[in-house]
Amino acid sequence: MTDTLPRPLIRPDRRARQRRSWWCAGWAGCAGWAGLFPLVSPLGPHRTWGALAAVGYLLAAAVALLPDRGDRRTGGPERAGWVALGGAALLPLALLVGAGAGQSEVAVLARAGDLLLAHGSPYLDAPAGPGEVTPYLPGMALFGLPHALLHRAGAGTGAGGLLGDPRLWCAAAFLAALRGAWRVRPVRQRTGAGAGTGAAGCVGAGTAAVALLASPPVALALAASGVDLPLTGLLCLALALGGARRPTGAGLALAAAGALKWTAWPAVAVVVALLAATVGRRAALRCAGFAVGGTALLVAPWLLRAPGAVVGQVFAFPLGRGAWPTPAASPLPGRLLADLGPAGWGAAVGLLLLGGAAVALSLLLRPPRCAVAAADRLAAGLTLAFLLAPAGRFGYLALPLFLSVFVRLAARHRTG
């Protein structure tokens, strides 16, 4: 009896301490990552974010060590996630918006909104330099419209000016889409071995989701740029709806994403393959029709009005074939090849097309049969595309990573 009685009493407490220690170490690592930005980043907003976020993550690491209060919902790791989200994302966002500091993409969105309101198009026919280029599809200009409307109404200063910051609207769209993806009701299936069970599984998924939002790549994007967030949220929503066998909703989400950036277009093939494998050809065609038709309806008016401006700014400029070099110049394989000259650029594009063909072939031979598998396939394709693109940034790789992790957490939450 003396050998067996203490074990059930000691083990749960030991597991709880180990759990708190791991969360503490994770937030401490995030603090170290953020702390490098004030030392190495040439961008002022990045340095500001790094200094603030490092403190927020250190506070989260300390909170993670607090003991549980009766159940896991009130434990240190759960509260630490919210501390990290506030200290590393929301507080830097508020301070940077108040100071009017941000990455160049923020000004691009604001200018696109001004142009759309004034001239009916977010594209200049003859931009004088890279600062006047709008490298996004027309839907992105909607996030700059509040800025344009407030300025036209004479409320472009003070609190009105702050409310017009495109980052706030990008963050709102991102969080709304994620909430929709989190709440999608899937077709009831048997719970897999890796799914959470009961309340504990749900709590674990929710805690991890908050931690994901507070992680350095997402927190930095929220505070300093925000331009990739609406696309990311809509793709998560489309994958969740596809996994729930709702082709119309998935197609509409894909259409909205496709009107923001053309990097969303590969997701159409992945979600269509998922629906074809789980529901049937008719549902897959319905999704494809809504996705392709909706994107065309949202993009075609501007493409027909000024095809040269759209092609030159939205497609040629990001690929490094515009009149000016793109600022996306991280030393990824595609970029290194493109720097070798025309032959290197052609080799990078050829490898990019070959990688896309390989992913397409995998969809035909072994289509995904759940949202998680579809997210993994899309993440693999996007990672390959960003690595082999003639121009790209390391930050782009956060998109496929977020897709894979968030869709997993949402699936775990729904099966819990």
Protein backbone atom coordinates (compact mmCIF):
# COMPACT_ATOMS: atom_id res chain seq x y z
CA MET A 1 0.00 0.00 0.00
CA THR A 2 2.78 2.43 0.83
CA ASP A 3 4.29 1.85 -2.62
CA THR A 4 1.15 2.52 -4.58
CA LEU A 5 -0.79 5.22 -2.71
CA PRO A 6 1.57 8.19 -3.22
CA ARG A 7 1.82 7.73 -6.99
CA PRO A 8 -1.63 9.04 -8.03
CA LEU A 9 -1.04 12.01 -5.71
CA ILE A 10 2.42 12.89 -7.00
CA ARG A 11 2.11 12.31 -10.72
CA PRO A 12 -0.60 14.87 -11.55
CA ASP A 13 1.31 17.56 -9.66
CA ARG A 14 4.52 16.62 -11.41
CA ARG A 15 2.83 16.74 -14.81
CA ALA A 16 1.41 20.16 -13.96
CA ARG A 17 4.86 21.46 -13.00
CA GLN A 18 6.35 20.07 -16.19
CA ARG A 19 3.56 21.63 -18.20
CA ARG A 20 4.14 25.04 -16.61
CA SER A 21 7.88 24.72 -17.16
CA TRP A 22 7.46 23.97 -20.86
CA TRP A 23 5.15 26.94 -21.35
CA CYS A 24 7.56 29.16 -19.44
CA ALA A 25 10.45 28.03 -21.62
CA GLY A 26 8.41 28.63 -24.77
CA TRP A 27 7.50 32.20 -23.83
CA ALA A 28 11.09 32.85 -22.76
CA GLY A 29 12.23 31.69 -26.20
CA CYS A 30 9.73 34.08 -27.82
CA ALA A 31 11.18 36.87 -25.67
CA GLY A 32 14.65 36.06 -26.93
CA TRP A 33 13.44 36.10 -30.53
CA ALA A 34 11.65 39.43 -30.10
CA GLY A 35 14.66 40.86 -28.26
CA LEU A 36 16.80 40.41 -31.36
CA PHE A 37 14.71 42.87 -33.40
CA PRO A 38 15.92 46.05 -31.65
CA LEU A 39 19.47 44.86 -32.29
CA VAL A 40 19.36 43.67 -35.90
CA SER A 41 16.28 45.04 -37.68
CA PRO A 42 16.72 48.14 -39.88
CA LEU A 43 12.98 48.94 -39.59
CA GLY A 44 11.84 51.26 -36.81
CA PRO A 45 8.43 49.59 -36.30
CA HIS A 46 10.13 46.21 -35.98
CA ARG A 47 12.54 47.54 -33.36
CA THR A 48 9.67 49.09 -31.39
CA TRP A 49 7.68 45.88 -31.57
CA GLY A 50 10.68 43.81 -30.48
CA ALA A 51 11.35 45.92 -27.40
CA LEU A 52 7.72 45.86 -26.27
CA ALA A 53 7.08 42.25 -27.19
CA ALA A 54 10.16 40.99 -25.37
CA VAL A 55 8.78 42.45 -22.13
CA GLY A 56 5.34 40.99 -22.83
CA TYR A 57 6.74 37.54 -23.45
CA LEU A 58 8.86 37.67 -20.30
CA LEU A 59 5.77 38.55 -18.28
CA ALA A 60 3.96 35.64 -19.93
CA ALA A 61 6.84 33.33 -19.00
CA ALA A 62 6.52 34.39 -15.36
CA VAL A 63 2.72 34.00 -15.37
CA ALA A 64 3.05 30.52 -16.90
CA LEU A 65 4.73 29.33 -13.69
CA LEU A 66 1.75 30.26 -11.53
CA PRO A 67 0.02 27.20 -10.06
CA ASP A 68 -3.33 26.00 -11.32
CA ARG A 69 -6.49 27.06 -9.52
CA GLY A 70 -8.51 23.90 -9.33
CA ASP A 71 -8.72 23.14 -13.05
CA ARG A 72 -6.81 23.83 -16.26
CA ARG A 73 -9.04 26.72 -17.28
CA THR A 74 -7.48 28.94 -14.64
CA GLY A 75 -3.92 27.62 -14.79
CA GLY A 76 -0.81 29.68 -15.38
CA PRO A 77 -0.28 28.61 -19.03
CA GLU A 78 -3.82 29.63 -19.96
CA ARG A 79 -3.46 33.07 -18.39
CA ALA A 80 0.05 33.43 -19.83
CA GLY A 81 -1.30 33.19 -23.38
CA TRP A 82 -3.56 36.18 -22.81
CA VAL A 83 -0.73 38.13 -21.20
CA ALA A 84 1.47 37.43 -24.22
CA LEU A 85 -1.29 38.41 -26.63
CA GLY A 86 -1.82 41.70 -24.85
CA GLY A 87 1.86 42.52 -24.31
CA ALA A 88 3.27 41.33 -27.63
CA ALA A 89 0.43 42.12 -30.04
CA LEU A 90 -2.31 44.43 -28.77
CA LEU A 91 -0.14 46.91 -26.85
CA PRO A 92 2.43 47.32 -29.66
CA LEU A 93 -0.44 47.65 -32.16
CA ALA A 94 -2.01 50.45 -30.13
CA LEU A 95 1.27 52.30 -29.67
CA LEU A 96 2.38 51.97 -33.30
CA VAL A 97 -1.03 53.04 -34.60
CA GLY A 98 -1.00 56.00 -32.21
CA ALA A 99 2.45 57.01 -33.42
CA GLY A 100 1.53 56.53 -37.07
CA ALA A 101 4.42 54.09 -37.48
CA GLY A 102 4.20 50.91 -39.52
CA GLN A 103 5.62 48.99 -42.42
CA SER A 104 5.32 50.46 -45.89
CA GLU A 105 2.36 48.16 -46.63
CA VAL A 106 0.19 50.21 -44.26
CA ALA A 107 0.74 53.35 -46.33
CA VAL A 108 0.15 51.37 -49.53
CA LEU A 109 -3.28 50.23 -48.29
CA ALA A 110 -4.21 53.74 -47.15
CA ARG A 111 -3.20 55.18 -50.51
CA ALA A 112 -5.09 52.43 -52.36
CA GLY A 113 -8.21 53.34 -50.41
CA ASP A 114 -7.75 57.02 -51.24
CA LEU A 115 -7.33 56.23 -54.93
CA LEU A 116 -10.33 53.91 -54.96
CA LEU A 117 -12.56 56.55 -53.40
CA ALA A 118 -11.26 59.40 -55.55
CA HIS A 119 -10.83 57.70 -58.94
CA GLY A 120 -12.62 54.36 -58.71
CA SER A 121 -9.38 52.39 -59.03
CA PRO A 122 -6.58 51.62 -56.55
CA TYR A 123 -4.01 51.66 -59.37
CA LEU A 124 -2.19 54.62 -60.89
CA ASP A 125 -1.82 54.38 -64.65
CA ALA A 126 1.76 55.68 -64.53
CA PRO A 127 3.32 55.32 -61.06
CA ALA A 128 6.42 57.44 -60.58
CA GLY A 129 8.20 54.91 -58.39
CA PRO A 130 7.80 51.78 -56.27
CA GLY A 131 6.12 53.85 -53.56
CA GLU A 132 3.16 54.43 -55.89
CA VAL A 133 2.73 50.78 -56.86
CA THR A 134 -0.24 48.82 -55.48
CA PRO A 135 0.92 45.18 -55.61
CA TYR A 136 -2.40 43.73 -54.41
CA LEU A 137 -5.66 42.78 -56.06
CA PRO A 138 -8.53 45.29 -55.74
CA GLY A 139 -10.08 43.72 -52.65
CA MET A 140 -7.17 44.86 -50.48
CA ALA A 141 -8.09 48.48 -51.15
CA LEU A 142 -11.22 47.99 -49.04
CA PHE A 143 -9.03 48.01 -45.92
CA GLY A 144 -7.85 51.49 -46.87
CA LEU A 145 -11.36 52.84 -47.45
CA PRO A 146 -12.00 53.79 -43.78
CA HIS A 147 -8.89 56.00 -43.94
CA ALA A 148 -10.14 57.65 -47.14
CA LEU A 149 -13.70 58.12 -45.86
CA LEU A 150 -12.59 59.62 -42.56
CA HIS A 151 -10.25 62.04 -44.30
CA ARG A 152 -12.96 63.08 -46.72
CA ALA A 153 -15.32 63.67 -43.78
CA GLY A 154 -12.72 65.85 -42.07
CA ALA A 155 -12.07 63.32 -39.30
CA GLY A 156 -8.62 62.27 -40.42
CA THR A 157 -6.89 63.54 -37.29
CA GLY A 158 -7.05 62.49 -33.66
CA ALA A 159 -9.19 59.48 -32.83
CA GLY A 160 -10.74 59.51 -36.30
CA GLY A 161 -7.35 59.18 -37.90
CA LEU A 162 -6.47 56.26 -35.65
CA LEU A 163 -9.68 54.45 -36.54
CA GLY A 164 -8.79 54.74 -40.20
CA ASP A 165 -5.53 52.84 -39.84
CA PRO A 166 -5.72 49.82 -42.21
CA ARG A 167 -4.09 47.56 -39.62
CA LEU A 168 -7.14 47.74 -37.40
CA TRP A 169 -9.46 46.66 -40.19
CA CYS A 170 -7.09 43.91 -41.34
CA ALA A 171 -6.94 42.60 -37.78
CA ALA A 172 -10.73 42.76 -37.45
CA ALA A 173 -11.25 40.79 -40.67
CA PHE A 174 -8.59 38.27 -39.64
CA LEU A 175 -10.11 37.61 -36.22
CA ALA A 176 -13.66 37.47 -37.60
CA ALA A 177 -12.66 34.86 -40.19
CA LEU A 178 -10.80 32.82 -37.58
CA ARG A 179 -13.80 32.93 -35.27
CA GLY A 180 -15.97 31.68 -38.11
CA ALA A 181 -13.54 28.84 -38.84
CA TRP A 182 -13.39 27.94 -35.14
CA ARG A 183 -17.18 27.71 -34.89
CA VAL A 184 -17.84 25.73 -38.08
CA ARG A 185 -19.79 22.59 -37.28
CA PRO A 186 -18.21 19.64 -39.09
CA VAL A 187 -19.86 16.48 -40.30
CA ARG A 188 -19.78 14.14 -37.32
CA GLN A 189 -16.97 11.64 -37.65
CA ARG A 190 -15.27 9.20 -35.36
CA THR A 191 -12.81 10.86 -33.08
CA GLY A 192 -9.29 10.05 -34.20
CA ALA A 193 -6.51 9.04 -31.93
CA GLY A 194 -4.91 12.49 -32.09
CA ALA A 195 -8.07 14.45 -31.28
CA GLY A 196 -8.79 15.95 -27.93
CA THR A 197 -11.48 14.32 -25.85
CA GLY A 198 -13.86 15.99 -23.46
CA ALA A 199 -13.39 19.37 -21.89
CA ALA A 200 -9.66 18.92 -21.48
CA GLY A 201 -9.16 18.62 -25.22
CA CYS A 202 -11.21 21.76 -25.88
CA VAL A 203 -9.31 23.75 -23.27
CA GLY A 204 -5.98 22.60 -24.65
CA ALA A 205 -6.94 23.63 -28.17
CA GLY A 206 -8.19 27.03 -27.05
CA THR A 207 -5.05 27.71 -25.04
CA ALA A 208 -2.86 26.73 -27.98
CA ALA A 209 -4.90 28.94 -30.32
CA VAL A 210 -4.36 31.98 -28.10
CA ALA A 211 -0.66 31.14 -27.96
CA LEU A 212 -0.58 30.89 -31.75
CA LEU A 213 -2.12 34.37 -32.08
CA ALA A 214 0.44 35.70 -29.59
CA SER A 215 3.40 34.01 -31.31
CA PRO A 216 6.06 36.35 -32.75
CA PRO A 217 5.20 35.99 -36.48
CA VAL A 218 1.51 36.72 -35.90
CA ALA A 219 2.04 39.38 -33.23
CA LEU A 220 4.54 41.24 -35.42
CA ALA A 221 2.17 41.14 -38.38
CA LEU A 222 -0.71 42.41 -36.26
CA ALA A 223 1.29 45.31 -34.87
CA ALA A 224 3.41 46.45 -37.79
CA SER A 225 1.70 45.46 -41.04
CA GLY A 226 -1.47 43.37 -41.05
CA VAL A 227 -1.58 43.06 -44.82
CA ASP A 228 -1.39 39.25 -44.94
CA LEU A 229 -3.83 38.62 -42.10
CA PRO A 230 -7.22 38.86 -43.89
CA LEU A 231 -6.02 36.42 -46.54
CA THR A 232 -4.79 34.02 -43.86
CA GLY A 233 -8.09 34.13 -41.97
CA LEU A 234 -10.19 33.59 -45.09
CA LEU A 235 -8.11 30.59 -46.15
CA CYS A 236 -8.58 29.04 -42.69
CA LEU A 237 -12.32 29.64 -43.03
CA ALA A 238 -12.43 28.11 -46.52
CA LEU A 239 -10.57 25.00 -45.33
CA ALA A 240 -12.88 24.61 -42.32
CA LEU A 241 -15.99 24.97 -44.51
CA GLY A 242 -14.59 22.51 -47.02
CA GLY A 243 -13.90 20.02 -44.25
CA ALA A 244 -17.48 20.51 -43.04
CA ARG A 245 -18.72 19.67 -46.57
CA ARG A 246 -20.19 23.12 -47.20
CA PRO A 247 -19.17 23.87 -50.80
CA THR A 248 -21.05 27.14 -51.21
CA GLY A 249 -19.57 28.72 -48.09
CA ALA A 250 -16.09 27.44 -48.96
CA GLY A 251 -16.39 28.85 -52.49
CA LEU A 252 -17.47 32.27 -51.22
CA ALA A 253 -14.58 32.38 -48.73
CA LEU A 254 -12.17 31.44 -51.51
CA ALA A 255 -13.63 34.15 -53.76
CA ALA A 256 -13.10 36.77 -51.06
CA ALA A 257 -9.53 35.59 -50.49
CA GLY A 258 -8.85 35.43 -54.22
CA ALA A 259 -9.84 39.09 -54.60
CA LEU A 260 -7.17 40.11 -52.08
CA LYS A 261 -4.03 38.38 -53.35
CA TRP A 262 -3.38 35.93 -56.12
CA THR A 263 -1.38 33.77 -53.71
CA ALA A 264 -4.79 32.56 -52.51
CA TRP A 265 -5.65 30.99 -55.85
CA PRO A 266 -3.88 27.62 -55.24
CA ALA A 267 -6.26 27.06 -52.32
CA VAL A 268 -9.14 26.63 -54.79
CA ALA A 269 -7.60 23.43 -56.18
CA VAL A 270 -6.97 22.05 -52.67
CA VAL A 271 -10.49 22.70 -51.35
CA VAL A 272 -12.08 21.43 -54.57
CA ALA A 273 -10.03 18.23 -54.32
CA LEU A 274 -11.11 17.84 -50.69
CA LEU A 275 -14.80 18.19 -51.59
CA ALA A 276 -14.50 15.89 -54.59
CA ALA A 277 -13.02 13.17 -52.36
CA THR A 278 -15.52 13.54 -49.51
CA VAL A 279 -18.80 14.78 -51.04
CA GLY A 280 -18.61 14.24 -54.76
CA ARG A 281 -18.02 15.94 -58.07
CA ARG A 282 -21.16 18.06 -58.00
CA ALA A 283 -20.25 19.72 -54.70
CA ALA A 284 -16.67 20.24 -55.88
CA LEU A 285 -17.86 21.93 -59.07
CA ARG A 286 -20.22 24.15 -57.06
CA CYS A 287 -17.35 25.27 -54.86
CA ALA A 288 -15.13 25.90 -57.88
CA GLY A 289 -17.87 27.87 -59.58
CA PHE A 290 -18.40 30.17 -56.63
CA ALA A 291 -14.66 30.57 -56.07
CA VAL A 292 -13.62 31.25 -59.66
CA GLY A 293 -16.76 33.16 -60.61
CA GLY A 294 -16.71 35.26 -57.46
CA THR A 295 -13.04 36.14 -57.85
CA ALA A 296 -13.56 37.06 -61.49
CA LEU A 297 -16.57 39.21 -60.62
CA LEU A 298 -14.57 41.08 -57.99
CA VAL A 299 -11.39 41.52 -60.04
CA ALA A 300 -12.54 41.78 -63.68
CA PRO A 301 -13.86 45.39 -63.58
CA TRP A 302 -10.43 46.75 -62.72
CA LEU A 303 -8.62 44.31 -64.98
CA LEU A 304 -10.75 45.37 -67.95
CA ARG A 305 -10.44 49.04 -67.10
CA ALA A 306 -6.64 49.13 -66.82
CA PRO A 307 -5.12 45.76 -67.72
CA GLY A 308 -1.60 47.14 -68.02
CA ALA A 309 -1.64 48.67 -64.55
CA VAL A 310 -3.06 45.55 -62.92
CA VAL A 311 -0.69 43.13 -64.65
CA GLY A 312 2.35 45.35 -64.13
CA GLN A 313 1.70 46.15 -60.47
CA VAL A 314 -0.05 43.04 -59.16
CA PHE A 315 1.85 40.33 -61.04
CA ALA A 316 5.09 41.64 -62.62
CA PHE A 317 6.26 43.81 -59.71
CA PRO A 318 6.05 41.12 -56.96
CA LEU A 319 7.79 38.63 -59.27
CA GLY A 320 10.71 41.00 -59.80
CA ARG A 321 9.82 41.80 -63.43
CA GLY A 322 8.40 45.27 -62.92
CA ALA A 323 9.92 48.64 -63.70
CA TRP A 324 11.48 48.76 -60.22
CA PRO A 325 12.95 46.06 -57.99
CA THR A 326 10.62 44.69 -55.36
CA PRO A 327 11.58 45.24 -51.70
CA ALA A 328 10.88 41.53 -51.05
CA ALA A 329 14.48 40.43 -51.19
CA SER A 330 15.14 37.72 -48.61
CA PRO A 331 17.89 35.28 -49.67
CA LEU A 332 15.55 32.40 -50.47
CA PRO A 333 16.47 29.89 -53.23
CA GLY A 334 14.24 31.49 -55.87
CA ARG A 335 15.61 34.94 -55.17
CA LEU A 336 19.21 33.72 -55.30
CA LEU A 337 18.55 32.09 -58.67
CA ALA A 338 16.86 35.21 -60.03
CA ASP A 339 19.87 37.32 -59.06
CA LEU A 340 21.98 35.30 -61.52
CA GLY A 341 20.30 37.01 -64.46
CA PRO A 342 17.59 36.14 -67.00
CA ALA A 343 18.60 32.49 -67.10
CA GLY A 344 18.45 32.25 -63.33
CA TRP A 345 15.06 33.96 -63.25
CA GLY A 346 13.79 31.50 -65.85
CA ALA A 347 15.15 28.59 -63.81
CA ALA A 348 13.40 29.87 -60.69
CA VAL A 349 10.09 30.19 -62.53
CA GLY A 350 10.56 26.75 -64.08
CA LEU A 351 11.16 25.18 -60.68
CA LEU A 352 8.15 27.06 -59.32
CA LEU A 353 5.92 25.67 -62.06
CA LEU A 354 7.35 22.19 -61.59
CA GLY A 355 6.61 22.35 -57.86
CA GLY A 356 3.06 23.48 -58.56
CA ALA A 357 2.58 20.61 -60.99
CA ALA A 358 3.83 18.15 -58.36
CA VAL A 359 1.32 19.44 -55.80
CA ALA A 360 -1.47 19.30 -58.39
CA LEU A 361 -0.55 15.71 -59.24
CA SER A 362 -0.66 14.80 -55.55
CA LEU A 363 -4.20 16.21 -55.35
CA LEU A 364 -5.27 13.95 -58.19
CA LEU A 365 -3.55 10.81 -56.97
CA ARG A 366 -4.14 11.20 -53.24
CA PRO A 367 -6.68 13.93 -52.50
CA PRO A 368 -7.06 15.13 -48.90
CA ARG A 369 -10.08 13.80 -47.03
CA CYS A 370 -10.26 16.19 -44.07
CA ALA A 371 -9.58 19.84 -43.37
CA VAL A 372 -6.30 19.07 -41.60
CA ALA A 373 -4.94 17.08 -44.55
CA ALA A 374 -6.06 19.83 -46.93
CA ALA A 375 -4.36 22.48 -44.81
CA ASP A 376 -1.15 20.48 -44.80
CA ARG A 377 -1.26 20.07 -48.57
CA LEU A 378 -1.91 23.78 -49.11
CA ALA A 379 0.81 24.68 -46.62
CA ALA A 380 3.30 22.47 -48.46
CA GLY A 381 2.41 24.02 -51.80
CA LEU A 382 2.62 27.59 -50.51
CA THR A 383 5.92 26.91 -48.75
CA LEU A 384 7.36 25.54 -51.97
CA ALA A 385 6.04 28.55 -53.90
CA PHE A 386 7.49 31.08 -51.47
CA LEU A 387 10.87 29.32 -51.45
CA LEU A 388 11.11 29.16 -55.25
CA ALA A 389 9.51 32.51 -56.14
CA PRO A 390 11.94 34.94 -57.81
CA ALA A 391 11.17 37.47 -55.06
CA GLY A 392 10.02 36.70 -51.56
CA ARG A 393 10.43 37.27 -47.84
CA PHE A 394 11.01 34.97 -44.91
CA GLY A 395 7.86 36.43 -43.38
CA TYR A 396 5.75 34.87 -46.12
CA LEU A 397 6.48 31.43 -44.64
CA ALA A 398 4.38 32.31 -41.60
CA LEU A 399 1.21 31.92 -43.71
CA PRO A 400 1.52 28.17 -44.45
CA LEU A 401 2.71 27.48 -40.91
CA PHE A 402 -0.29 29.29 -39.44
CA LEU A 403 -2.71 27.48 -41.76
CA SER A 404 -1.45 24.06 -40.77
CA VAL A 405 -1.40 24.75 -37.02
CA PHE A 406 -4.68 26.68 -36.72
CA VAL A 407 -6.76 24.22 -38.76
CA ARG A 408 -5.39 21.42 -36.59
CA LEU A 409 -6.35 23.24 -33.42
CA ALA A 410 -9.82 24.03 -34.76
CA ALA A 411 -10.34 20.37 -35.66
CA ARG A 412 -9.19 19.30 -32.20
CA HIS A 413 -11.56 21.82 -30.62
CA ARG A 414 -14.54 20.58 -32.63
CA THR A 415 -13.90 16.92 -31.85
CA GLY A 416 -13.31 17.54 -28.16
